[in-house]
N, C-alpha and C. Protein backbone atom coordinates (compact mmCIF):
# COMPACT_ATOMS: atom_id res chain seq x y z
N PHE A 1 -12.82 -32.46 -62.22
CA PHE A 1 -13.00 -31.26 -61.55
C PHE A 1 -11.79 -30.55 -61.14
N VAL A 2 -11.91 -29.28 -61.21
CA VAL A 2 -10.74 -28.29 -60.87
C VAL A 2 -11.27 -27.38 -59.86
N ASP A 3 -10.80 -27.34 -58.60
CA ASP A 3 -11.12 -26.33 -57.61
C ASP A 3 -10.16 -25.21 -57.74
N VAL A 4 -10.60 -24.03 -58.01
CA VAL A 4 -9.67 -22.89 -58.30
C VAL A 4 -9.66 -21.93 -57.05
N ARG A 5 -10.12 -22.46 -55.87
CA ARG A 5 -9.91 -21.68 -54.68
C ARG A 5 -8.52 -21.80 -54.13
N ASP A 6 -8.03 -20.90 -53.29
CA ASP A 6 -6.77 -21.01 -52.72
C ASP A 6 -6.73 -22.13 -51.71
N SER A 7 -5.52 -22.55 -51.34
CA SER A 7 -5.37 -23.64 -50.38
C SER A 7 -5.94 -23.34 -49.09
N GLY A 8 -5.97 -22.11 -48.52
CA GLY A 8 -6.53 -21.92 -47.22
C GLY A 8 -8.01 -22.16 -47.20
N ALA A 9 -8.69 -21.78 -48.36
CA ALA A 9 -10.14 -22.00 -48.37
C ALA A 9 -10.43 -23.56 -48.54
N ILE A 10 -9.63 -24.25 -49.28
CA ILE A 10 -9.84 -25.65 -49.45
C ILE A 10 -9.52 -26.33 -48.05
N ALA A 11 -8.51 -25.89 -47.32
CA ALA A 11 -8.16 -26.51 -45.98
C ALA A 11 -9.36 -26.26 -45.02
N GLN A 12 -10.08 -25.21 -45.22
CA GLN A 12 -11.23 -24.86 -44.11
C GLN A 12 -12.39 -25.78 -44.55
N SER A 13 -12.79 -25.97 -45.75
CA SER A 13 -14.07 -26.62 -46.14
C SER A 13 -13.88 -27.91 -46.93
N GLY A 14 -12.73 -28.24 -47.43
CA GLY A 14 -12.60 -29.39 -48.26
C GLY A 14 -12.83 -29.17 -49.69
N THR A 15 -12.92 -30.09 -50.51
CA THR A 15 -13.16 -29.80 -51.92
C THR A 15 -13.92 -31.00 -52.53
N VAL A 16 -14.17 -30.96 -53.81
CA VAL A 16 -14.74 -32.13 -54.42
C VAL A 16 -13.92 -33.29 -54.46
N LYS A 17 -14.48 -34.41 -54.20
CA LYS A 17 -13.63 -35.70 -54.20
C LYS A 17 -12.88 -35.91 -55.60
N GLY A 18 -11.54 -35.96 -55.42
CA GLY A 18 -10.72 -36.17 -56.63
C GLY A 18 -10.44 -34.92 -57.47
N ALA A 19 -10.81 -33.87 -57.00
CA ALA A 19 -10.46 -32.60 -57.75
C ALA A 19 -9.17 -32.23 -57.79
N LEU A 20 -8.65 -31.52 -58.98
CA LEU A 20 -7.38 -30.98 -58.94
C LEU A 20 -7.50 -29.59 -58.18
N ARG A 21 -6.40 -29.26 -57.57
CA ARG A 21 -6.43 -28.04 -56.80
C ARG A 21 -5.51 -27.05 -57.44
N ILE A 22 -6.09 -26.14 -58.22
CA ILE A 22 -5.24 -25.15 -59.09
C ILE A 22 -5.86 -23.77 -58.70
N PRO A 23 -5.19 -22.93 -57.87
CA PRO A 23 -5.61 -21.64 -57.58
C PRO A 23 -6.02 -20.82 -58.93
N ARG A 24 -6.95 -20.03 -58.86
CA ARG A 24 -7.29 -19.24 -60.06
C ARG A 24 -6.09 -18.40 -60.58
N GLY A 25 -5.24 -17.92 -59.75
CA GLY A 25 -3.99 -17.21 -60.27
C GLY A 25 -2.96 -18.03 -60.98
N MET A 26 -3.17 -19.30 -60.92
CA MET A 26 -2.19 -20.29 -61.65
C MET A 26 -2.74 -20.99 -62.76
N ILE A 27 -4.07 -20.70 -63.06
CA ILE A 27 -4.75 -21.53 -64.11
C ILE A 27 -4.17 -21.42 -65.51
N GLU A 28 -3.61 -20.13 -65.75
CA GLU A 28 -3.04 -19.87 -66.96
C GLU A 28 -1.90 -20.60 -67.30
N PHE A 29 -1.07 -20.89 -66.23
CA PHE A 29 0.16 -21.81 -66.34
C PHE A 29 -0.14 -23.28 -66.36
N ALA A 30 -1.04 -23.68 -65.41
CA ALA A 30 -1.38 -24.99 -65.42
C ALA A 30 -2.12 -25.56 -66.67
N ALA A 31 -2.88 -24.64 -67.30
CA ALA A 31 -3.56 -25.08 -68.54
C ALA A 31 -2.82 -25.00 -69.75
N ASP A 32 -1.72 -24.35 -69.86
CA ASP A 32 -0.87 -24.14 -71.01
C ASP A 32 0.06 -25.33 -71.12
N ASP A 33 -0.30 -25.99 -72.34
CA ASP A 33 0.48 -27.26 -72.42
C ASP A 33 1.96 -27.00 -73.02
N THR A 34 2.37 -25.67 -73.10
CA THR A 34 3.81 -25.34 -73.46
C THR A 34 4.50 -24.91 -72.22
N SER A 35 3.80 -24.66 -71.10
CA SER A 35 4.38 -24.20 -69.87
C SER A 35 5.07 -25.34 -69.04
N LYS A 36 6.13 -25.00 -68.42
CA LYS A 36 6.84 -25.85 -67.49
C LYS A 36 5.88 -26.30 -66.28
N LEU A 37 4.93 -25.42 -65.88
CA LEU A 37 4.03 -25.61 -64.85
C LEU A 37 2.62 -26.33 -65.41
N HIS A 38 2.59 -26.73 -66.67
CA HIS A 38 1.36 -27.38 -67.12
C HIS A 38 1.06 -28.53 -66.30
N ASN A 39 -0.30 -28.76 -65.96
CA ASN A 39 -0.71 -29.87 -65.29
C ASN A 39 -1.16 -30.91 -66.27
N GLU A 40 -0.56 -31.84 -66.27
CA GLU A 40 -0.75 -33.05 -67.32
C GLU A 40 -2.11 -33.57 -67.25
N ASN A 41 -2.80 -33.36 -66.35
CA ASN A 41 -4.23 -33.84 -66.16
C ASN A 41 -5.26 -32.97 -66.90
N LEU A 42 -4.69 -31.81 -67.34
CA LEU A 42 -5.53 -30.94 -68.15
C LEU A 42 -5.38 -31.23 -69.64
N ASN A 43 -6.35 -31.40 -70.33
CA ASN A 43 -6.32 -31.61 -71.85
C ASN A 43 -7.36 -30.82 -72.40
N LYS A 44 -7.09 -30.04 -73.55
CA LYS A 44 -7.97 -29.10 -74.16
C LYS A 44 -9.26 -29.79 -74.71
N ASP A 45 -9.23 -30.97 -75.01
CA ASP A 45 -10.47 -31.74 -75.46
C ASP A 45 -11.28 -32.44 -74.40
N ASP A 46 -10.73 -32.57 -73.19
CA ASP A 46 -11.47 -33.18 -72.16
C ASP A 46 -12.40 -32.27 -71.44
N ARG A 47 -13.50 -32.82 -70.80
CA ARG A 47 -14.37 -32.00 -70.10
C ARG A 47 -13.63 -31.44 -68.80
N VAL A 48 -13.75 -30.20 -68.56
CA VAL A 48 -13.20 -29.60 -67.40
C VAL A 48 -14.34 -28.97 -66.55
N CYS A 49 -14.64 -29.35 -65.33
CA CYS A 49 -15.62 -28.88 -64.48
C CYS A 49 -14.97 -28.00 -63.48
N LEU A 50 -15.31 -26.73 -63.43
CA LEU A 50 -14.61 -25.84 -62.41
C LEU A 50 -15.54 -25.41 -61.33
N ILE A 51 -14.85 -25.33 -60.22
CA ILE A 51 -15.77 -24.93 -58.90
C ILE A 51 -14.90 -23.92 -58.09
N CYS A 52 -15.50 -23.11 -57.41
CA CYS A 52 -14.91 -22.10 -56.52
C CYS A 52 -15.72 -21.97 -55.23
N ALA A 53 -15.53 -20.84 -54.55
CA ALA A 53 -16.47 -20.61 -53.37
C ALA A 53 -17.94 -20.23 -53.81
N ALA A 54 -18.17 -19.25 -54.78
CA ALA A 54 -19.52 -18.93 -55.14
C ALA A 54 -19.74 -18.92 -56.64
N GLY A 55 -18.77 -19.30 -57.45
CA GLY A 55 -18.93 -19.39 -58.94
C GLY A 55 -18.27 -18.31 -59.68
N GLY A 56 -17.78 -17.14 -59.08
CA GLY A 56 -17.24 -16.04 -59.89
C GLY A 56 -15.93 -16.39 -60.41
N GLN A 57 -15.00 -16.85 -59.44
CA GLN A 57 -13.63 -17.21 -59.82
C GLN A 57 -13.64 -18.40 -60.87
N ALA A 58 -14.55 -19.31 -60.67
CA ALA A 58 -14.71 -20.42 -61.62
C ALA A 58 -15.10 -19.87 -63.06
N ALA A 59 -15.86 -18.93 -63.05
CA ALA A 59 -16.30 -18.20 -64.24
C ALA A 59 -15.12 -17.65 -65.00
N LEU A 60 -14.27 -16.93 -64.27
CA LEU A 60 -13.06 -16.24 -64.77
C LEU A 60 -12.14 -17.35 -65.33
N ALA A 61 -11.89 -18.41 -64.55
CA ALA A 61 -11.01 -19.39 -64.89
C ALA A 61 -11.52 -20.14 -66.13
N GLY A 62 -12.83 -20.23 -66.40
CA GLY A 62 -13.50 -20.93 -67.45
C GLY A 62 -13.18 -20.11 -68.67
N LYS A 63 -13.52 -18.83 -68.58
CA LYS A 63 -13.25 -17.90 -69.80
C LYS A 63 -11.79 -17.96 -70.24
N THR A 64 -10.89 -17.99 -69.26
CA THR A 64 -9.60 -18.12 -69.57
C THR A 64 -9.19 -19.27 -70.30
N MET A 65 -9.75 -20.45 -69.81
CA MET A 65 -9.39 -21.72 -70.45
C MET A 65 -10.04 -21.81 -71.85
N VAL A 66 -11.28 -21.21 -72.06
CA VAL A 66 -11.90 -21.22 -73.39
C VAL A 66 -11.08 -20.39 -74.27
N ASP A 67 -10.53 -19.29 -73.84
CA ASP A 67 -9.72 -18.43 -74.64
C ASP A 67 -8.37 -19.14 -75.03
N MET A 68 -8.01 -20.08 -74.20
CA MET A 68 -6.75 -20.92 -74.44
C MET A 68 -7.00 -22.04 -75.29
N GLY A 69 -8.31 -22.36 -75.73
CA GLY A 69 -8.55 -23.41 -76.67
C GLY A 69 -9.17 -24.69 -75.98
N TYR A 70 -9.58 -24.58 -74.82
CA TYR A 70 -10.27 -25.61 -74.15
C TYR A 70 -11.66 -25.63 -74.69
N THR A 71 -12.31 -26.74 -74.99
CA THR A 71 -13.55 -26.79 -75.83
C THR A 71 -14.72 -27.38 -75.03
N ASN A 72 -14.48 -27.79 -73.68
CA ASN A 72 -15.58 -28.36 -72.99
C ASN A 72 -15.44 -27.99 -71.50
N VAL A 73 -15.71 -26.64 -71.16
CA VAL A 73 -15.42 -26.24 -69.85
C VAL A 73 -16.83 -25.77 -69.22
N VAL A 74 -17.04 -26.29 -68.00
CA VAL A 74 -18.26 -26.11 -67.37
C VAL A 74 -17.97 -25.38 -65.95
N ASN A 75 -18.70 -24.38 -65.55
CA ASN A 75 -18.76 -23.81 -64.33
C ASN A 75 -19.75 -24.32 -63.46
N VAL A 76 -19.22 -25.24 -62.47
CA VAL A 76 -20.22 -25.86 -61.58
C VAL A 76 -20.81 -24.88 -60.60
N GLY A 77 -20.11 -23.77 -60.22
CA GLY A 77 -20.55 -22.87 -59.24
C GLY A 77 -19.74 -22.89 -57.96
N GLY A 78 -20.56 -22.77 -56.79
CA GLY A 78 -19.85 -22.69 -55.64
C GLY A 78 -19.78 -24.07 -54.89
N PHE A 79 -18.75 -24.11 -54.04
CA PHE A 79 -18.53 -25.38 -53.35
C PHE A 79 -19.64 -25.68 -52.22
N ALA A 80 -20.20 -24.61 -51.59
CA ALA A 80 -21.24 -24.87 -50.69
C ALA A 80 -22.55 -25.56 -51.38
N ASP A 81 -22.75 -25.00 -52.53
CA ASP A 81 -23.93 -25.55 -53.26
C ASP A 81 -23.58 -27.05 -53.64
N TRP A 82 -22.48 -27.38 -53.97
CA TRP A 82 -22.06 -28.66 -54.29
C TRP A 82 -22.27 -29.60 -53.07
N GLN A 83 -21.85 -29.11 -51.86
CA GLN A 83 -22.02 -29.80 -50.65
C GLN A 83 -23.61 -29.99 -50.28
N ALA A 84 -24.25 -28.95 -50.43
CA ALA A 84 -25.76 -28.92 -50.21
C ALA A 84 -26.50 -30.00 -51.05
N ALA A 85 -25.93 -30.17 -52.24
CA ALA A 85 -26.65 -31.08 -53.25
C ALA A 85 -26.18 -32.51 -52.94
N GLY A 86 -25.24 -32.77 -52.03
CA GLY A 86 -24.82 -34.08 -51.67
C GLY A 86 -23.66 -34.57 -52.45
N GLY A 87 -22.92 -33.59 -53.13
CA GLY A 87 -21.75 -34.02 -53.94
C GLY A 87 -20.67 -34.63 -53.00
N GLU A 88 -19.91 -35.54 -53.55
CA GLU A 88 -18.83 -36.18 -52.69
C GLU A 88 -17.77 -35.19 -52.49
N THR A 89 -17.16 -35.19 -51.25
CA THR A 89 -16.15 -34.22 -50.95
C THR A 89 -14.98 -35.02 -50.16
N GLU A 90 -13.88 -34.26 -50.09
CA GLU A 90 -12.68 -34.69 -49.31
C GLU A 90 -12.06 -33.60 -48.75
N GLU A 91 -11.13 -33.96 -47.77
CA GLU A 91 -10.39 -32.84 -47.20
C GLU A 91 -9.08 -32.63 -47.92
């Protein structure tokens, strides 16, 4: 899982248990395996599940990642929906 909300939103409500925390504005750098800011937990062939506050930012991040060559990107939607469905969370 990758939570693309900013750190303030995550601090207020928590995130998916074990999720990477990469703000939407940094996803291009974190997903680029040639960037010094590349997050080594992101691999173009792995499944990447994106989550944000309501689904919109995750959709944008997903499109960006697909355009960058990621092949298995899923928009989970909003964090409140994840919580309501009983998904595991952490602070």
